[in-house]
Amino acid sequence: MAEGQAQPEVFTDTDGVRRMKGVSIVVPVVTGTISFWLAKKATDHASHKWTIYLRHAKNEDLAHLVSKVTFGLHSSFANPNRDVEYQPFELTEVGWGEFDITIKVHFREDVREGPVELYHHLTLYDASGSNNAKRPVVHEVYDEIVLWEPPEEVHRRLAAHTPAPAPQSQLAQFHTQFNPDYEYRRLQHARQRVAAITNNVKVQLAALESAA
C-alpha cells in the first residue's frame, strides 16, 4: 500500500465474519463454446460435438477461489445440471440445437460468497450458417466476477497470491486472447451507455405521463 493511502475499514457482518468495507475483487473470466460439425457422422439429433467452458481471461489457475462449476444444459439432456469440480472447467456433449447455458460458479468455503450465475449461448454455426468439418465454431465472451466486501482473510490471501497457469485445456489452441484492462474499459463504456439510455427513457416516460 502506498504511503499515506488509507487502510480499508474492516467490519463484522451478521455471521461474525470480518469483511473489507467498500473493497471489491474483480476476477476476469471468459465463457465459451467450441463446436465441431460431425460431417458424415452427423445425425438428426447429433450434428455437432461441442464443449462449454469457463476459464480465467488470462488463463490463470482459479483453484484459489473456485471450488466447482455447474453447467445447466437444456432440459432435453439427461441430468441437465452437470458439476465439474476440476480444471479445466469444461463439459463436452453432442447435439443439434443452440440454446442458452447457465454457468453457476461456486466458491471455496472461506470466500463466503454464494454461487454466481453467468449465461452463455451455445453457438453451432458461423455467421454464414454453413458447416465446416475442419474449422470449429468458437464463441467466447469476456465477463467479470465481482466479489464485494470479501472476508479479511481472503483479501489478505489474495494480496499475497502469485498467479499460476491454469491446467492446460486440449482446446487452448482455439481460445481468444483477451486484454482484461481493455475489456474492462469497454464494459464500463457499455454500462455508461445503457445507463444513459435508461435515464433518457425515464425522462421521456415522465414527460408523457405529465402531458397525459
Protein backbone atom coordinates (compact mmCIF):
# COMPACT_ATOMS: atom_id res chain seq x y z
CA MET A 1 0.00 0.00 0.00
CA ALA A 2 1.34 3.42 -0.95
CA GLU A 3 2.45 5.81 1.80
CA GLY A 4 -0.40 7.95 3.00
CA GLN A 5 -3.06 5.72 1.48
CA ALA A 6 -5.91 5.00 3.87
CA GLN A 7 -6.22 1.48 5.23
CA PRO A 8 -9.55 -0.10 4.18
CA GLU A 9 -12.03 -0.28 7.03
CA VAL A 10 -12.90 -3.70 8.40
CA PHE A 11 -16.38 -4.51 9.69
CA THR A 12 -18.04 -7.61 11.12
CA ASP A 13 -21.12 -8.94 9.32
CA THR A 14 -24.15 -10.63 10.90
CA ASP A 15 -22.39 -14.02 10.73
CA GLY A 16 -19.39 -12.74 12.64
CA VAL A 17 -17.13 -12.59 9.57
CA ARG A 18 -14.66 -9.71 9.35
CA ARG A 19 -15.01 -8.10 5.91
CA MET A 20 -13.27 -5.33 3.97
CA LYS A 21 -15.67 -2.38 3.72
CA GLY A 22 -16.03 -0.87 0.26
CA VAL A 23 -13.48 -3.24 -1.28
CA SER A 24 -14.16 -5.35 -4.36
CA ILE A 25 -12.18 -8.15 -6.01
CA VAL A 26 -12.64 -8.43 -9.77
CA VAL A 27 -11.96 -11.78 -11.42
CA PRO A 28 -11.80 -11.55 -15.24
CA VAL A 29 -13.24 -14.68 -16.82
CA VAL A 30 -14.23 -15.99 -20.22
CA THR A 31 -17.21 -18.18 -21.00
CA GLY A 32 -17.09 -20.03 -24.28
CA THR A 33 -18.30 -22.80 -26.53
CA ILE A 34 -16.36 -24.59 -29.23
CA SER A 35 -18.42 -26.74 -31.60
CA PHE A 36 -17.34 -29.23 -34.25
CA TRP A 37 -19.61 -30.38 -37.05
CA LEU A 38 -19.68 -34.18 -37.21
CA ALA A 39 -19.93 -34.23 -41.03
CA LYS A 40 -20.61 -37.79 -42.23
CA LYS A 41 -21.17 -38.94 -38.65
CA ALA A 42 -23.89 -36.33 -38.11
CA THR A 43 -27.45 -37.44 -37.42
CA ASP A 44 -30.71 -35.56 -36.99
CA HIS A 45 -30.21 -35.50 -33.22
CA ALA A 46 -26.42 -35.26 -33.08
CA SER A 47 -25.00 -32.95 -35.72
CA HIS A 48 -22.29 -31.32 -33.58
CA LYS A 49 -19.87 -32.15 -30.80
CA TRP A 50 -19.41 -29.14 -28.56
CA THR A 51 -17.70 -28.03 -25.36
CA ILE A 52 -18.87 -25.37 -22.92
CA TYR A 53 -16.30 -23.90 -20.53
CA LEU A 54 -15.33 -21.23 -18.04
CA ARG A 55 -11.73 -20.03 -17.81
CA HIS A 56 -9.71 -17.13 -16.43
CA ALA A 57 -9.29 -14.38 -19.03
CA LYS A 58 -5.50 -14.67 -18.64
CA ASN A 59 -5.61 -18.47 -18.37
CA GLU A 60 -4.64 -18.33 -14.70
CA ASP A 61 -5.47 -21.02 -12.18
CA LEU A 62 -8.82 -20.40 -10.45
CA ALA A 63 -8.45 -23.07 -7.76
CA HIS A 64 -7.68 -20.47 -5.07
CA LEU A 65 -11.22 -19.10 -5.50
CA VAL A 66 -13.49 -21.53 -7.35
CA SER A 67 -14.48 -24.94 -5.97
CA LYS A 68 -16.64 -26.14 -8.85
CA VAL A 69 -18.72 -25.04 -11.83
CA THR A 70 -22.25 -26.27 -12.60
CA PHE A 71 -23.32 -26.17 -16.24
CA GLY A 72 -27.10 -26.02 -16.74
CA LEU A 73 -28.00 -27.56 -20.10
CA HIS A 74 -31.29 -27.74 -21.98
CA SER A 75 -33.89 -29.86 -20.18
CA SER A 76 -33.86 -32.37 -23.05
CA PHE A 77 -30.46 -33.62 -21.87
CA ALA A 78 -30.25 -36.41 -19.32
CA ASN A 79 -29.09 -34.94 -16.00
CA PRO A 80 -29.04 -31.38 -17.39
CA ASN A 81 -27.20 -29.88 -14.39
CA ARG A 82 -23.60 -31.09 -14.56
CA ASP A 83 -20.95 -30.38 -11.91
CA VAL A 84 -17.30 -30.01 -12.91
CA GLU A 85 -15.04 -29.95 -9.85
CA TYR A 86 -11.63 -29.84 -11.51
CA GLN A 87 -9.94 -27.59 -14.02
CA PRO A 88 -10.23 -27.09 -16.85
CA PHE A 89 -13.89 -26.33 -16.15
CA GLU A 90 -15.22 -27.88 -19.36
CA LEU A 91 -18.15 -30.06 -20.38
CA THR A 92 -18.47 -31.83 -23.73
CA GLU A 93 -21.71 -33.06 -25.30
CA VAL A 94 -23.27 -33.79 -28.69
CA GLY A 95 -26.49 -32.31 -30.02
CA TRP A 96 -28.20 -30.50 -32.85
CA GLY A 97 -29.66 -27.25 -31.48
CA GLU A 98 -28.48 -23.99 -29.97
CA PHE A 99 -29.64 -22.82 -26.53
CA ASP A 100 -28.58 -20.73 -23.54
CA ILE A 101 -26.41 -22.48 -20.96
CA THR A 102 -26.35 -21.46 -17.30
CA ILE A 103 -22.90 -21.39 -15.73
CA LYS A 104 -23.04 -21.41 -11.94
CA VAL A 105 -19.70 -20.63 -10.30
CA HIS A 106 -19.24 -21.99 -6.76
CA PHE A 107 -16.55 -20.57 -4.50
CA ARG A 108 -14.30 -22.06 -1.86
CA GLU A 109 -15.84 -22.14 1.59
CA ASP A 110 -13.52 -19.48 3.00
CA VAL A 111 -14.62 -17.00 0.30
CA ARG A 112 -18.05 -16.97 1.96
CA GLU A 113 -19.83 -15.98 -1.22
CA GLY A 114 -22.90 -17.59 -2.75
CA PRO A 115 -22.76 -19.02 -6.29
CA VAL A 116 -22.63 -16.56 -9.17
CA GLU A 117 -24.63 -17.31 -12.33
CA LEU A 118 -23.40 -16.47 -15.81
CA TYR A 119 -25.04 -17.28 -19.12
CA HIS A 120 -23.62 -18.32 -22.47
CA HIS A 121 -25.30 -19.05 -25.79
CA LEU A 122 -24.24 -22.31 -27.39
CA THR A 123 -23.29 -21.42 -30.97
CA LEU A 124 -23.09 -24.23 -33.53
CA TYR A 125 -22.98 -22.23 -36.77
CA ASP A 126 -20.87 -19.33 -38.00
CA ALA A 127 -22.31 -16.12 -39.45
CA SER A 128 -22.80 -17.75 -42.86
CA GLY A 129 -24.78 -20.63 -41.36
CA SER A 130 -22.59 -23.16 -43.15
CA ASN A 131 -20.74 -26.16 -41.72
CA ASN A 132 -17.02 -26.84 -41.92
CA ALA A 133 -15.68 -30.14 -40.59
CA LYS A 134 -12.13 -28.78 -40.37
CA ARG A 135 -12.81 -25.50 -38.59
CA PRO A 136 -14.75 -25.32 -35.32
CA VAL A 137 -17.14 -22.52 -34.42
CA VAL A 138 -15.74 -20.62 -31.44
CA HIS A 139 -17.89 -18.25 -29.39
CA GLU A 140 -16.19 -16.63 -26.40
CA VAL A 141 -17.43 -13.81 -24.17
CA TYR A 142 -15.42 -11.78 -21.67
CA ASP A 143 -17.07 -11.27 -18.28
CA GLU A 144 -16.15 -10.31 -14.74
CA ILE A 145 -16.98 -11.89 -11.40
CA VAL A 146 -17.03 -9.26 -8.66
CA LEU A 147 -16.60 -10.26 -5.02
CA TRP A 148 -17.91 -7.34 -2.98
CA GLU A 149 -16.52 -6.71 0.52
CA PRO A 150 -14.62 -10.01 0.78
CA PRO A 151 -13.61 -11.56 4.12
CA GLU A 152 -10.46 -10.02 5.59
CA GLU A 153 -8.63 -13.36 5.46
CA VAL A 154 -9.47 -13.86 1.78
CA HIS A 155 -8.41 -10.30 0.94
CA ARG A 156 -5.09 -10.86 2.71
CA ARG A 157 -4.59 -14.23 1.00
CA LEU A 158 -5.29 -12.84 -2.46
CA ALA A 159 -2.97 -9.87 -1.89
CA ALA A 160 -0.12 -12.35 -1.35
CA HIS A 161 -1.25 -14.73 -4.11
CA THR A 162 1.10 -15.41 -7.02
CA PRO A 163 -0.87 -16.30 -10.17
CA ALA A 164 -0.15 -19.73 -11.62
CA PRO A 165 -1.03 -21.10 -15.06
CA ALA A 166 -4.31 -22.99 -15.26
CA PRO A 167 -4.24 -26.70 -16.14
CA GLN A 168 -3.89 -26.96 -19.89
CA SER A 169 -7.03 -27.43 -21.97
CA GLN A 170 -6.89 -29.55 -25.09
CA LEU A 171 -8.89 -26.78 -26.77
CA ALA A 172 -6.47 -23.99 -25.82
CA GLN A 173 -5.39 -23.54 -29.44
CA PHE A 174 -8.86 -22.17 -30.20
CA HIS A 175 -9.02 -19.73 -27.28
CA THR A 176 -9.19 -15.99 -27.91
CA GLN A 177 -6.59 -13.72 -26.32
CA PHE A 178 -8.29 -11.11 -24.13
CA ASN A 179 -6.83 -7.97 -22.58
CA PRO A 180 -8.72 -7.54 -19.26
CA ASP A 181 -7.77 -3.85 -18.97
CA TYR A 182 -9.17 -3.09 -22.42
CA GLU A 183 -12.22 -5.28 -21.85
CA TYR A 184 -12.87 -3.56 -18.51
CA ARG A 185 -12.88 -0.14 -20.17
CA ARG A 186 -15.15 -1.46 -22.91
CA LEU A 187 -17.58 -2.89 -20.33
CA GLN A 188 -17.60 0.37 -18.40
CA HIS A 189 -18.34 2.32 -21.58
CA ALA A 190 -21.19 -0.05 -22.46
CA ARG A 191 -22.65 0.23 -18.95
CA GLN A 192 -22.49 4.02 -19.13
CA ARG A 193 -24.32 3.97 -22.46
CA VAL A 194 -27.01 1.67 -21.07
CA ALA A 195 -27.39 3.92 -18.01
CA ALA A 196 -27.70 7.00 -20.25
CA ILE A 197 -30.30 5.31 -22.47
CA THR A 198 -32.25 4.11 -19.43
CA ASN A 199 -32.23 7.59 -17.93
CA ASN A 200 -33.38 9.10 -21.25
CA VAL A 201 -36.28 6.63 -21.43
CA LYS A 202 -37.30 7.50 -17.86
CA VAL A 203 -37.28 11.22 -18.71
CA GLN A 204 -39.41 10.62 -21.82
CA LEU A 205 -41.89 8.47 -19.88
CA ALA A 206 -42.15 11.11 -17.17
CA ALA A 207 -42.82 13.77 -19.82
CA LEU A 208 -45.53 11.63 -21.42
CA GLU A 209 -47.19 10.97 -18.07
CA SER A 210 -47.19 14.66 -17.15
CA ALA A 211 -48.68 15.55 -20.54
CA ALA A 212 -51.46 12.96 -20.25
